[in-house]
Amino acid sequence: MTTHTAACTLNSPEDTARLAAQIAGALRPGDCLLLEGVIGAGKTHFARHLIQSLMEEPEDVPSPTFTLVQTYDVPAGELWHTDLYRLSSLDELEELGLTEAFESAICLVEWPDRLAELTPAHALHLTLALDPEHEDRRHLTLRWSDEKWQPLMERISA
């Protein structure tokens, strides 16, 4: 399987929100986004704006840091937002039902390194990196193997 990459610079939180909304419009049940980056890189900001752009009436989107999972019913289907930072074992993923959600829901996963061998092969990896010279700027690298992401990548890079 071929791995593809793309990269862009997000110059402001508003740029990040716009990209999140663009990506949101293409998501369907079974799609999985893996959000990687250090604390403060903007993973939750990206996820919050993606989720809100899918809601008929935008509402507060709390970070799932302590609950591990927040679920939302959006017109496109069920959406799971997970933060695995505090995950202590893979057994907890089974208890949460996350592996089943990978097949039936739109899933946004922060700290996906905790998934280990349970990482979905069809996922889109988004890595946000801080810019040491500009506080609000982020560098985003996208990585995917599943060809289903190619049309989205062409659309957002146009």
Protein backbone atom coordinates (compact mmCIF):
# COMPACT_ATOMS: atom_id res chain seq x y z
CA MET A 1 0.00 0.00 0.00
CA THR A 2 1.39 3.39 -1.03
CA THR A 3 1.56 6.15 1.57
CA HIS A 4 0.80 9.68 0.35
CA THR A 5 1.61 12.95 2.09
CA ALA A 6 0.65 16.57 1.74
CA ALA A 7 1.57 19.58 3.84
CA CYS A 8 0.35 23.11 4.39
CA THR A 9 0.84 26.03 6.71
CA LEU A 10 -2.09 27.32 8.78
CA ASN A 11 -1.30 30.94 9.55
CA SER A 12 -4.02 31.50 12.15
CA PRO A 13 -6.64 29.71 14.25
CA GLU A 14 -9.16 30.88 11.63
CA ASP A 15 -7.20 29.06 8.90
CA THR A 16 -7.31 25.92 11.02
CA ALA A 17 -11.09 26.30 11.52
CA ARG A 18 -11.65 26.79 7.77
CA LEU A 19 -9.63 23.68 6.88
CA ALA A 20 -11.48 21.66 9.52
CA ALA A 21 -14.81 22.70 7.98
CA GLN A 22 -13.57 21.80 4.49
CA ILE A 23 -12.53 18.34 5.60
CA ALA A 24 -15.75 17.88 7.60
CA GLY A 25 -17.86 18.25 4.48
CA ALA A 26 -16.27 15.16 2.94
CA LEU A 27 -16.57 12.84 5.96
CA ARG A 28 -18.86 9.82 6.04
CA PRO A 29 -19.48 7.05 8.61
CA GLY A 30 -16.44 4.79 8.76
CA ASP A 31 -13.99 7.65 8.19
CA CYS A 32 -11.30 8.15 10.81
CA LEU A 33 -9.03 11.15 11.39
CA LEU A 34 -6.02 10.67 13.62
CA LEU A 35 -4.92 14.00 15.14
CA GLU A 36 -1.29 14.05 16.18
CA GLY A 37 0.92 16.74 17.71
CA VAL A 38 2.29 18.01 20.99
CA ILE A 39 0.09 19.54 23.69
CA GLY A 40 -1.02 22.94 22.44
CA ALA A 41 -0.53 22.15 18.74
CA GLY A 42 -4.21 22.66 17.98
CA LYS A 43 -5.68 19.16 17.83
CA THR A 44 -8.73 20.00 19.95
CA HIS A 45 -9.20 23.35 18.18
CA PHE A 46 -9.25 21.53 14.83
CA ALA A 47 -11.63 18.84 16.13
CA ARG A 48 -13.97 21.37 17.77
CA HIS A 49 -14.39 23.34 14.54
CA LEU A 50 -14.79 20.21 12.45
CA ILE A 51 -17.54 18.94 14.75
CA GLN A 52 -19.31 22.31 14.95
CA SER A 53 -19.30 22.65 11.17
CA LEU A 54 -21.19 19.33 10.93
CA MET A 55 -23.87 20.30 13.47
CA GLU A 56 -27.19 21.68 12.36
CA GLU A 57 -27.05 24.05 15.34
CA PRO A 58 -23.47 24.56 16.57
CA GLU A 59 -23.11 23.90 20.29
CA ASP A 60 -20.32 23.73 22.81
CA VAL A 61 -17.83 20.98 22.01
CA PRO A 62 -15.87 20.09 25.14
CA SER A 63 -12.52 18.34 25.02
CA PRO A 64 -12.87 14.63 25.78
CA THR A 65 -9.65 14.63 27.81
CA PHE A 66 -11.34 13.35 30.97
CA THR A 67 -14.31 11.49 29.50
CA LEU A 68 -12.14 9.85 26.79
CA VAL A 69 -15.09 9.98 24.34
CA GLN A 70 -17.73 12.52 23.35
CA THR A 71 -20.31 11.41 20.80
CA TYR A 72 -22.46 13.59 18.57
CA ASP A 73 -25.35 12.90 16.24
CA VAL A 74 -24.72 14.96 13.12
CA PRO A 75 -26.60 14.81 9.79
CA ALA A 76 -23.77 12.71 8.28
CA GLY A 77 -24.18 10.09 11.07
CA GLU A 78 -22.71 9.41 14.48
CA LEU A 79 -19.43 11.17 15.29
CA TRP A 80 -16.98 10.09 18.00
CA HIS A 81 -14.37 12.52 19.34
CA THR A 82 -11.81 10.73 21.48
CA ASP A 83 -8.78 11.87 23.40
CA LEU A 84 -6.60 8.92 24.31
CA TYR A 85 -3.98 10.86 26.27
CA ARG A 86 -5.08 9.31 29.59
CA LEU A 87 -5.64 5.84 28.16
CA SER A 88 -3.85 3.28 30.27
CA SER A 89 -4.45 0.08 28.25
CA LEU A 90 -5.82 -1.16 24.95
CA ASP A 91 -8.51 -3.03 26.90
CA GLU A 92 -10.10 0.35 27.63
CA LEU A 93 -10.60 0.85 23.88
CA GLU A 94 -12.57 -2.37 23.73
CA GLU A 95 -14.72 -1.24 26.68
CA LEU A 96 -15.40 2.11 25.01
CA GLY A 97 -16.49 0.44 21.77
CA LEU A 98 -14.04 2.50 19.74
CA THR A 99 -12.99 -0.34 17.44
CA GLU A 100 -16.62 -0.82 16.38
CA ALA A 101 -17.02 2.94 15.95
CA PHE A 102 -14.14 2.89 13.45
CA GLU A 103 -16.44 0.96 11.13
CA SER A 104 -19.76 2.74 11.74
CA ALA A 105 -19.07 6.32 12.84
CA ILE A 106 -16.96 9.30 11.89
CA CYS A 107 -14.06 9.16 14.35
CA LEU A 108 -11.67 11.91 15.43
CA VAL A 109 -8.88 10.53 17.57
CA GLU A 110 -6.45 12.71 19.52
CA TRP A 111 -3.26 10.98 20.70
CA PRO A 112 -3.68 8.08 18.24
CA ASP A 113 -0.26 6.66 19.12
CA ARG A 114 -2.11 5.02 22.05
CA LEU A 115 -4.02 2.86 19.54
CA ALA A 116 -0.92 0.80 18.71
CA GLU A 117 -1.97 -2.20 16.60
CA LEU A 118 -5.63 -1.09 16.66
CA THR A 119 -4.86 1.91 14.41
CA PRO A 120 -7.24 1.75 11.43
CA ALA A 121 -5.34 1.29 8.16
CA HIS A 122 -7.90 3.46 6.33
CA ALA A 123 -7.36 6.52 8.58
CA LEU A 124 -6.21 9.97 7.55
CA HIS A 125 -3.31 11.12 9.76
CA LEU A 126 -3.11 14.85 10.51
CA THR A 127 0.00 16.03 12.34
CA LEU A 128 -0.02 19.59 13.67
CA ALA A 129 3.30 21.20 14.58
CA LEU A 130 3.96 24.49 16.34
CA ASP A 131 5.89 27.22 14.55
CA PRO A 132 8.60 28.54 16.90
CA GLU A 133 8.59 31.94 15.19
CA HIS A 134 4.83 32.62 15.08
CA GLU A 135 2.57 31.79 18.02
CA ASP A 136 -0.61 31.29 15.95
CA ARG A 137 0.96 29.47 12.98
CA ARG A 138 0.79 25.70 12.63
CA HIS A 139 2.34 23.35 10.10
CA LEU A 140 0.04 20.51 9.08
CA THR A 141 1.18 17.27 7.50
CA LEU A 142 -1.47 14.91 6.14
CA ARG A 143 -0.67 11.24 5.54
CA TRP A 144 -2.87 8.52 4.06
CA SER A 145 -2.72 5.14 2.33
CA ASP A 146 -6.39 4.61 1.48
CA GLU A 147 -7.16 6.05 -1.96
CA LYS A 148 -10.56 7.30 -0.72
CA TRP A 149 -8.74 10.37 0.68
CA GLN A 150 -7.26 11.42 -2.68
CA PRO A 151 -10.29 13.44 -3.95
CA LEU A 152 -10.42 15.35 -0.65
CA MET A 153 -6.70 16.11 -0.81
CA GLU A 154 -7.08 17.41 -4.36
CA ARG A 155 -10.01 19.61 -3.33
CA ILE A 156 -8.35 21.17 -0.27
CA SER A 157 -5.05 21.78 -2.02
CA ALA A 158 -6.71 23.55 -4.97
